[in-house]
Amino acid sequence: MNRLIPLILIFILLAGCQPEKIAVPRSMKDILVVSNLKKPELSFVDLQTGKLTASDLNFRITSMVKVDRDTIILAGENEDSLYRLQLKQGTLTKLAQTGKGINELLYRPQDHLLYFSNGTKNTVGFYDVRKNKVITEINTDKFPGSMALNEKKNLLYVVNVKGASLSIIDISTKREVAQFPIVERPKGIFFDGKYVWVGGHGPYGSLNENVYIYDPETGKEVDRIKVGVMPVDFYRDDRSADVYVICHGSSSVYKIDINNRSVSKPLQVEANPYDIIGDKQRIYVTSLDGDSLAIIDRSTFTKLKQIRLNNGPHMMILGEENE
């Protein structure tokens, strides 16, 4: 009997590492991968037809990021490990332990590092994707969330929600080198190459309607841009000088020119927009309470299509980017 116990333990450990099979479309062209918050599932949306398929999961995804053409890393706030989804095989595998409380993920492809903010431990972790290993965890202020990279200076900017502060982490030394106060209950961050843009909910009883711009060298506020109620997320790529902002409270999207900071008229979407991404021609916005996906034309800044989704669509990833 004593000899059987080690064998049983080994079997349990191996069983826990076995990949789980989930249903994934054969082709990821024009497919949008969407995580849902009201039900633990992953949805696949055909952007051409609007057809929706879904795969049930054993946990609710709170953040996900694509690390290569075939691989998505997933995190759940109540899960103590990261997960890897292989799109071709449709396999979901548990990875290295991180502890519960992961809020957001950010990937840096050149060094294969995945950064994860943990609101329970008040840390930011560095995970090596190739080695499947957590390299280090760095203490921050209370409840770190959104993150952005300053590639030139090798810095990571981290918004601390409950601390109402911004942590600046040196990626090379893996240390927090500065911290300064920002808007209360911040959420969402964008780095324009010189300044850090931060959104958020604002203080209780006085909801925020501004994007705050800070100089990360001095910690000083250099500008405010008035938008809708509770700006919470940004999207920008190298295809234009525009940054797109979604606002929770006013269910709206704004386009801001980063050079002159001019602001477009609001584009209305369904209730509680929560994530925004884009490709060459379109911008995509999920509405958590509106159970919908808005597809926006980048050139005209108008809604092309609205697709009904289920169960609180949240985070998005493009299967294969539409060119």
Protein backbone atom coordinates (compact mmCIF):
# COMPACT_ATOMS: atom_id res chain seq x y z
CA MET A 1 0.00 0.00 0.00
CA ASN A 2 2.85 2.37 0.89
CA ARG A 3 4.34 1.83 -2.56
CA LEU A 4 1.06 2.77 -4.21
CA ILE A 5 0.77 6.18 -2.54
CA PRO A 6 3.64 7.83 -4.51
CA LEU A 7 2.28 6.37 -7.74
CA ILE A 8 -1.18 7.74 -7.01
CA LEU A 9 0.27 11.21 -6.28
CA ILE A 10 2.25 11.17 -9.53
CA PHE A 11 -0.87 10.15 -11.45
CA ILE A 12 -2.85 13.03 -9.91
CA LEU A 13 -0.13 15.54 -10.80
CA LEU A 14 0.13 14.29 -14.36
CA ALA A 15 -3.65 14.32 -14.75
CA GLY A 16 -3.72 17.94 -13.61
CA CYS A 17 -1.29 18.89 -16.39
CA GLN A 18 -3.21 17.16 -19.17
CA PRO A 19 -4.71 19.58 -21.72
CA GLU A 20 -8.46 20.03 -21.91
CA LYS A 21 -10.11 19.97 -25.34
CA ILE A 22 -12.44 22.81 -26.30
CA ALA A 23 -14.28 23.54 -29.54
CA VAL A 24 -12.39 26.04 -31.72
CA PRO A 25 -13.23 27.06 -35.32
CA ARG A 26 -11.09 25.32 -37.96
CA SER A 27 -10.07 28.62 -39.50
CA MET A 28 -9.46 31.73 -37.40
CA LYS A 29 -9.74 34.10 -40.37
CA ASP A 30 -12.23 36.90 -39.55
CA ILE A 31 -12.87 35.29 -36.17
CA LEU A 32 -13.01 37.36 -33.00
CA VAL A 33 -12.28 35.51 -29.75
CA VAL A 34 -14.38 36.91 -26.88
CA SER A 35 -14.36 36.03 -23.18
CA ASN A 36 -17.61 36.36 -21.23
CA LEU A 37 -18.07 37.52 -17.65
CA LYS A 38 -21.65 36.47 -16.92
CA LYS A 39 -20.87 32.84 -17.78
CA PRO A 40 -17.53 31.00 -17.81
CA GLU A 41 -17.15 30.54 -21.54
CA LEU A 42 -15.18 31.60 -24.58
CA SER A 43 -17.05 32.75 -27.67
CA PHE A 44 -15.93 32.80 -31.30
CA VAL A 45 -17.60 35.41 -33.50
CA ASP A 46 -17.53 35.18 -37.31
CA LEU A 47 -17.16 38.85 -38.25
CA GLN A 48 -18.49 38.27 -41.77
CA THR A 49 -21.66 36.36 -40.93
CA GLY A 50 -22.20 37.29 -37.28
CA LYS A 51 -22.42 33.59 -36.40
CA LEU A 52 -21.58 32.86 -32.78
CA THR A 53 -20.19 29.64 -31.28
CA ALA A 54 -19.18 29.15 -27.66
CA SER A 55 -17.14 26.76 -25.54
CA ASP A 56 -17.83 26.29 -21.83
CA LEU A 57 -14.94 26.62 -19.40
CA ASN A 58 -14.41 25.75 -15.76
CA PHE A 59 -13.46 29.31 -14.86
CA ARG A 60 -14.25 32.89 -15.81
CA ILE A 61 -11.59 34.64 -17.88
CA THR A 62 -10.67 38.11 -16.67
CA SER A 63 -7.75 38.77 -19.03
CA MET A 64 -6.17 37.20 -22.10
CA VAL A 65 -3.40 38.04 -24.54
CA LYS A 66 -2.15 36.55 -27.81
CA VAL A 67 1.55 35.63 -27.70
CA ASP A 68 1.85 34.17 -31.19
CA ARG A 69 -0.40 33.28 -34.13
CA ASP A 70 -1.60 30.06 -32.50
CA THR A 71 -1.32 30.76 -28.75
CA ILE A 72 -3.45 32.73 -26.31
CA ILE A 73 -2.56 33.03 -22.61
CA LEU A 74 -5.60 33.27 -20.31
CA ALA A 75 -6.03 34.31 -16.69
CA GLY A 76 -8.94 34.17 -14.26
CA GLU A 77 -9.12 36.25 -11.09
CA ASN A 78 -10.08 33.16 -9.06
CA GLU A 79 -7.52 30.86 -10.69
CA ASP A 80 -4.08 30.35 -9.18
CA SER A 81 -2.42 29.56 -12.54
CA LEU A 82 -2.19 30.88 -16.07
CA TYR A 83 -3.66 28.86 -18.96
CA ARG A 84 -2.50 28.36 -22.56
CA LEU A 85 -5.00 27.95 -25.39
CA GLN A 86 -3.59 26.43 -28.60
CA LEU A 87 -5.99 27.46 -31.35
CA LYS A 88 -5.04 24.82 -33.95
CA GLN A 89 -5.40 21.91 -31.56
CA GLY A 90 -8.17 23.42 -29.42
CA THR A 91 -6.29 22.49 -26.25
CA LEU A 92 -6.36 24.37 -22.94
CA THR A 93 -3.42 23.67 -20.62
CA LYS A 94 -2.70 24.88 -17.10
CA LEU A 95 0.67 26.65 -16.82
CA ALA A 96 2.80 28.06 -14.00
CA GLN A 97 1.22 29.07 -10.70
CA THR A 98 0.76 32.79 -10.14
CA GLY A 99 -1.68 32.98 -7.23
CA LYS A 100 -5.26 34.19 -7.42
CA GLY A 101 -6.14 37.78 -8.24
CA ILE A 102 -4.73 38.44 -11.72
CA ASN A 103 -6.32 41.54 -13.26
CA GLU A 104 -4.54 42.15 -16.54
CA LEU A 105 -1.90 40.68 -18.86
CA LEU A 106 0.58 42.43 -21.13
CA TYR A 107 2.99 40.66 -23.50
CA ARG A 108 6.39 41.82 -24.74
CA PRO A 109 7.36 39.59 -27.67
CA GLN A 110 11.03 40.53 -28.04
CA ASP A 111 11.98 38.97 -24.70
CA HIS A 112 9.06 36.52 -24.47
CA LEU A 113 7.94 38.05 -21.18
CA LEU A 114 4.35 38.26 -20.03
CA TYR A 115 3.59 40.83 -17.33
CA PHE A 116 0.65 40.19 -15.01
CA SER A 117 -0.87 42.49 -12.39
CA ASN A 118 -2.19 40.80 -9.25
CA GLY A 119 -4.74 42.78 -7.22
CA THR A 120 -4.80 40.30 -4.35
CA LYS A 121 -1.05 40.20 -3.77
CA ASN A 122 -0.43 43.83 -4.88
CA THR A 123 2.33 42.73 -7.22
CA VAL A 124 3.33 42.69 -10.87
CA GLY A 125 4.80 39.40 -12.07
CA PHE A 126 7.16 38.55 -14.92
CA TYR A 127 6.38 35.25 -16.63
CA ASP A 128 8.71 33.72 -19.23
CA VAL A 129 6.47 32.20 -21.91
CA ARG A 130 9.17 29.94 -23.37
CA LYS A 131 10.35 28.55 -20.03
CA ASN A 132 6.87 28.41 -18.46
CA LYS A 133 8.30 30.07 -15.38
CA VAL A 134 7.45 33.06 -13.19
CA ILE A 135 10.77 34.93 -13.00
CA THR A 136 9.92 37.50 -10.35
CA GLU A 137 7.14 39.46 -8.68
CA ILE A 138 7.46 43.13 -7.78
CA ASN A 139 5.53 44.91 -5.03
CA THR A 140 3.34 47.85 -6.08
CA ASP A 141 0.68 50.02 -4.47
CA LYS A 142 -2.83 48.65 -3.80
CA PHE A 143 -4.62 46.69 -6.53
CA PRO A 144 -2.45 47.07 -9.66
CA GLY A 145 -4.39 46.83 -12.91
CA SER A 146 -3.75 48.35 -16.35
CA MET A 147 -0.20 48.41 -17.73
CA ALA A 148 1.73 50.06 -20.56
CA LEU A 149 5.30 49.79 -21.87
CA ASN A 150 7.90 52.46 -22.55
CA GLU A 151 10.06 50.43 -24.94
CA LYS A 152 12.81 53.03 -25.39
CA LYS A 153 13.51 53.37 -21.68
CA ASN A 154 12.69 49.78 -20.78
CA LEU A 155 10.01 50.82 -18.30
CA LEU A 156 6.65 49.37 -17.33
CA TYR A 157 3.89 51.74 -16.18
CA VAL A 158 1.29 50.24 -13.83
CA VAL A 159 -2.00 51.79 -12.69
CA ASN A 160 -2.83 51.03 -9.04
CA VAL A 161 -6.62 51.20 -8.70
CA LYS A 162 -7.08 51.34 -4.93
CA GLY A 163 -3.81 53.16 -4.38
CA ALA A 164 -4.76 55.91 -6.90
CA SER A 165 -1.16 55.88 -8.08
CA LEU A 166 1.13 54.97 -10.95
CA SER A 167 4.07 52.61 -10.40
CA ILE A 168 7.08 52.83 -12.71
CA ILE A 169 9.03 49.57 -12.94
CA ASP A 170 12.47 49.20 -14.48
CA ILE A 171 12.26 46.01 -16.55
CA SER A 172 16.03 45.48 -16.54
CA THR A 173 16.54 45.70 -12.78
CA LYS A 174 13.02 44.40 -12.02
CA ARG A 175 12.42 47.09 -9.40
CA GLU A 176 9.88 49.83 -8.85
CA VAL A 177 11.87 53.04 -9.43
CA ALA A 178 9.11 55.63 -8.90
CA GLN A 179 5.51 56.06 -7.86
CA PHE A 180 3.22 59.10 -7.97
CA PRO A 181 -0.46 59.93 -7.31
CA ILE A 182 -3.02 60.01 -10.13
CA VAL A 183 -6.82 60.23 -10.50
CA GLU A 184 -8.89 58.25 -7.98
CA ARG A 185 -10.04 54.75 -9.02
CA PRO A 186 -7.96 54.79 -12.21
CA LYS A 187 -8.50 52.32 -15.04
CA GLY A 188 -6.97 52.19 -18.49
CA ILE A 189 -3.57 53.48 -19.56
CA PHE A 190 -1.90 54.62 -22.79
CA PHE A 191 1.69 55.79 -23.36
CA ASP A 192 2.12 58.17 -26.31
CA GLY A 193 5.91 58.07 -26.37
CA LYS A 194 6.34 60.93 -23.92
CA TYR A 195 3.31 61.14 -21.64
CA VAL A 196 1.12 58.65 -19.82
CA TRP A 197 -2.63 58.91 -20.40
CA VAL A 198 -4.89 57.51 -17.65
CA GLY A 199 -8.66 57.05 -17.46
CA GLY A 200 -10.78 55.95 -14.55
CA HIS A 201 -13.93 56.17 -12.50
CA GLY A 202 -12.93 59.12 -10.34
CA PRO A 203 -13.90 59.69 -6.68
CA TYR A 204 -17.13 58.29 -5.26
CA GLY A 205 -19.97 60.78 -5.70
CA SER A 206 -18.18 62.69 -8.48
CA LEU A 207 -17.67 60.50 -11.52
CA ASN A 208 -14.74 61.28 -13.78
CA GLU A 209 -15.21 62.64 -17.33
CA ASN A 210 -11.55 63.29 -18.17
CA VAL A 211 -8.52 61.56 -19.57
CA TYR A 212 -5.57 62.67 -17.42
CA ILE A 213 -2.14 63.13 -18.99
CA TYR A 214 0.95 62.86 -16.79
CA ASP A 215 4.65 63.39 -17.30
CA PRO A 216 6.21 60.15 -16.02
CA GLU A 217 9.54 61.91 -15.49
CA THR A 218 8.12 64.35 -12.93
CA GLY A 219 4.78 62.81 -11.94
CA LYS A 220 3.03 66.09 -12.77
CA GLU A 221 -0.32 66.37 -14.56
CA VAL A 222 0.23 68.20 -17.85
CA ASP A 223 -3.27 68.12 -19.35
CA ARG A 224 -6.86 66.88 -19.09
CA ILE A 225 -9.06 65.91 -22.00
CA LYS A 226 -12.81 65.97 -21.43
CA VAL A 227 -14.64 62.97 -22.87
CA GLY A 228 -17.59 60.89 -21.61
CA VAL A 229 -18.38 59.49 -18.17
CA MET A 230 -15.78 57.04 -16.82
CA PRO A 231 -13.19 56.53 -19.61
CA VAL A 232 -11.74 53.10 -18.84
CA ASP A 233 -9.75 51.80 -21.81
CA PHE A 234 -7.67 52.95 -24.79
CA TYR A 235 -6.70 51.57 -28.17
CA ARG A 236 -4.04 52.85 -30.54
CA ASP A 237 -1.75 51.31 -33.15
CA ASP A 238 0.81 52.63 -35.62
CA ARG A 239 -1.70 53.05 -38.45
CA SER A 240 -2.78 56.57 -37.40
CA ALA A 241 -2.23 59.33 -34.87
CA ASP A 242 -5.58 58.62 -33.25
CA VAL A 243 -6.20 56.97 -29.89
CA TYR A 244 -9.67 55.56 -29.22
CA VAL A 245 -11.26 55.76 -25.77
CA ILE A 246 -14.29 53.89 -24.42
CA CYS A 247 -16.41 55.34 -21.61
CA HIS A 248 -18.27 53.04 -19.20
CA GLY A 249 -20.81 55.47 -17.87
CA SER A 250 -21.90 57.24 -21.05
CA SER A 251 -21.67 54.11 -23.27
CA SER A 252 -19.62 56.02 -25.81
CA VAL A 253 -16.44 55.89 -27.87
CA TYR A 254 -14.21 58.88 -28.62
CA LYS A 255 -11.37 59.41 -31.07
CA ILE A 256 -8.54 61.72 -29.96
CA ASP A 257 -5.68 63.01 -32.10
CA ILE A 258 -2.57 62.48 -29.94
CA ASN A 259 -0.73 65.40 -31.57
CA ASN A 260 -3.21 68.24 -31.04
CA ARG A 261 -5.50 66.37 -28.58
CA SER A 262 -8.63 67.29 -30.52
CA VAL A 263 -11.65 65.15 -29.62
CA SER A 264 -14.31 63.72 -31.91
CA LYS A 265 -18.01 63.71 -31.23
CA PRO A 266 -19.10 60.69 -29.17
CA LEU A 267 -20.11 57.52 -30.96
CA GLN A 268 -22.78 55.69 -28.96
CA VAL A 269 -22.56 51.96 -28.31
CA GLU A 270 -24.55 49.61 -26.09
CA ALA A 271 -24.47 49.72 -22.27
CA ASN A 272 -21.18 49.44 -20.39
CA PRO A 273 -18.47 49.17 -23.06
CA TYR A 274 -15.57 47.21 -21.59
CA ASP A 275 -12.89 46.39 -24.17
CA ILE A 276 -11.64 47.96 -27.39
CA ILE A 277 -9.26 46.60 -30.04
CA GLY A 278 -8.75 47.17 -33.77
CA ASP A 279 -7.28 46.10 -37.10
CA LYS A 280 -6.39 47.92 -40.31
CA GLN A 281 -9.96 48.89 -41.20
CA ARG A 282 -12.11 48.48 -38.10
CA ILE A 283 -12.43 49.11 -34.37
CA TYR A 284 -14.22 46.58 -32.15
CA VAL A 285 -15.99 47.36 -28.87
CA THR A 286 -17.67 44.90 -26.50
CA SER A 287 -20.56 46.08 -24.33
CA LEU A 288 -20.77 44.05 -21.15
CA ASP A 289 -24.33 44.94 -20.12
CA GLY A 290 -25.55 45.51 -23.67
CA ASP A 291 -24.51 41.97 -24.67
CA SER A 292 -23.22 43.20 -27.99
CA LEU A 293 -20.25 43.87 -30.22
CA ALA A 294 -19.95 47.16 -32.13
CA ILE A 295 -17.87 47.18 -35.33
CA ILE A 296 -16.68 50.69 -36.21
CA ASP A 297 -15.23 51.95 -39.49
CA ARG A 298 -11.89 53.63 -38.76
CA SER A 299 -11.97 56.02 -41.73
CA THR A 300 -15.45 57.44 -41.10
CA PHE A 301 -15.75 56.73 -37.35
CA THR A 302 -19.24 55.31 -37.83
CA LYS A 303 -20.80 52.01 -36.77
CA LEU A 304 -20.73 49.45 -39.56
CA LYS A 305 -22.47 46.67 -37.70
CA GLN A 306 -23.70 45.60 -34.30
CA ILE A 307 -23.69 41.92 -33.39
CA ARG A 308 -25.75 40.48 -30.58
CA LEU A 309 -23.62 38.43 -28.17
CA ASN A 310 -24.50 36.54 -25.00
CA ASN A 311 -23.45 36.38 -21.36
CA GLY A 312 -21.56 39.65 -20.92
CA PRO A 313 -18.86 39.94 -23.61
CA HIS A 314 -15.65 41.26 -22.11
CA MET A 315 -12.10 40.82 -23.48
CA MET A 316 -11.32 40.32 -27.20
CA ILE A 317 -8.55 38.94 -29.40
CA LEU A 318 -8.45 38.78 -33.20
CA GLY A 319 -7.95 35.22 -34.47
CA GLU A 320 -6.30 36.35 -37.70
CA GLU A 321 -6.10 40.05 -38.34
CA ASN A 322 -8.13 41.31 -41.26
CA GLU A 323 -5.90 43.09 -43.75
